[in-house]
Amino acid sequence: EQLFFSAVYPADIDNQGRILIPERLVQIAGIGKQVVITGVYDHLEIWNKQDFDEFVSKYWQQYPQVQQNARQAILKDLQRRTEREGSEWKQ
């Protein structure tokens, strides 16, 4: 999966420990001087700040419902695991 979805671009680290994003990736991503770095599951995403702000403002109103759905899914999964472990214990 990593090999299939990855493209390798060598990057340098400057004297202050910053990773320098290759110019080609900067152009492809359309990022400028202001960026936002977000943690998403098991990776980081680098966004153009304006694009990120627009994304957040567009979807922020939906966040409470998404959060509620996630909470319900977690509780349902926890309940299933508890029931399964309980039935295994009784046997």
Protein backbone atom coordinates (compact mmCIF):
# COMPACT_ATOMS: atom_id res chain seq x y z
CA GLU A 1 0.00 0.00 0.00
CA GLN A 2 2.75 2.46 0.91
CA LEU A 3 4.66 1.65 -2.25
CA PHE A 4 1.55 1.97 -4.40
CA PHE A 5 0.44 5.34 -3.02
CA SER A 6 3.81 6.92 -2.39
CA ALA A 7 5.98 9.12 -4.48
CA VAL A 8 9.49 9.68 -3.24
CA TYR A 9 10.83 13.20 -3.09
CA PRO A 10 14.13 13.75 -1.31
CA ALA A 11 13.96 16.53 1.28
CA ASP A 12 16.65 18.44 3.13
CA ILE A 13 16.71 19.54 6.75
CA ASP A 14 18.03 23.02 7.40
CA ASN A 15 20.30 24.13 10.26
CA GLN A 16 17.28 24.78 12.49
CA GLY A 17 15.92 21.25 12.02
CA ARG A 18 13.14 22.19 9.62
CA ILE A 19 12.20 19.90 6.75
CA LEU A 20 12.37 21.75 3.46
CA ILE A 21 9.49 20.75 1.21
CA PRO A 22 10.66 20.21 -2.37
CA GLU A 23 9.52 23.00 -4.69
CA ARG A 24 7.65 20.55 -6.93
CA LEU A 25 5.47 19.44 -4.00
CA VAL A 26 4.90 23.06 -2.97
CA GLN A 27 3.62 23.77 -6.48
CA ILE A 28 1.44 20.65 -6.66
CA ALA A 29 -0.12 21.38 -3.25
CA GLY A 30 -0.55 25.06 -4.01
CA ILE A 31 0.89 26.05 -0.66
CA GLY A 32 2.53 29.36 0.06
CA LYS A 33 4.28 30.90 3.03
CA GLN A 34 1.43 30.17 5.46
CA VAL A 35 0.57 26.52 6.02
CA VAL A 36 -1.34 24.42 8.51
CA ILE A 37 -0.04 21.01 9.56
CA THR A 38 -2.72 18.62 10.81
CA GLY A 39 -2.48 15.14 12.26
CA VAL A 40 -4.82 12.75 10.45
CA TYR A 41 -4.97 9.18 11.74
CA ASP A 42 -1.44 7.90 11.11
CA HIS A 43 0.02 10.73 9.02
CA LEU A 44 0.40 14.48 8.74
CA GLU A 45 -1.21 16.73 6.16
CA ILE A 46 0.16 20.09 5.06
CA TRP A 47 -2.51 22.52 3.89
CA ASN A 48 -2.47 25.95 2.36
CA LYS A 49 -3.76 28.02 5.31
CA GLN A 50 -6.51 29.72 3.29
CA ASP A 51 -7.73 26.38 1.89
CA PHE A 52 -7.75 24.88 5.39
CA ASP A 53 -9.67 27.83 6.84
CA GLU A 54 -12.26 27.50 4.06
CA PHE A 55 -12.55 23.75 4.66
CA VAL A 56 -13.04 24.23 8.40
CA SER A 57 -15.63 26.97 7.98
CA LYS A 58 -17.54 24.84 5.47
CA TYR A 59 -17.67 21.73 7.65
CA TRP A 60 -17.54 23.17 11.19
CA GLN A 61 -21.33 23.32 11.46
CA GLN A 62 -21.48 19.57 10.82
CA TYR A 63 -18.92 18.78 13.53
CA PRO A 64 -21.35 18.23 16.45
CA GLN A 65 -23.26 15.61 14.45
CA VAL A 66 -20.06 13.90 13.29
CA GLN A 67 -18.82 13.86 16.89
CA GLN A 68 -22.12 12.37 18.11
CA ASN A 69 -22.02 9.68 15.41
CA ALA A 70 -18.44 8.79 16.35
CA ARG A 71 -19.33 8.62 20.04
CA GLN A 72 -22.28 6.30 19.31
CA ALA A 73 -20.11 4.03 17.13
CA ILE A 74 -17.44 3.79 19.84
CA LEU A 75 -20.00 2.98 22.54
CA LYS A 76 -21.66 0.36 20.33
CA ASP A 77 -18.30 -1.27 19.62
CA LEU A 78 -17.41 -1.23 23.32
CA GLN A 79 -20.75 -2.82 24.18
CA ARG A 80 -20.21 -5.60 21.61
CA ARG A 81 -16.72 -6.30 22.93
CA THR A 82 -17.94 -6.39 26.51
CA GLU A 83 -20.77 -8.78 25.61
CA ARG A 84 -18.40 -11.02 23.65
CA GLU A 85 -15.81 -11.12 26.43
CA GLY A 86 -18.55 -11.78 28.98
CA SER A 87 -19.87 -14.75 27.01
CA GLU A 88 -16.35 -16.15 26.61
CA TRP A 89 -15.81 -15.85 30.36
CA LYS A 90 -18.98 -17.82 31.17
CA GLN A 91 -17.98 -20.79 29.00
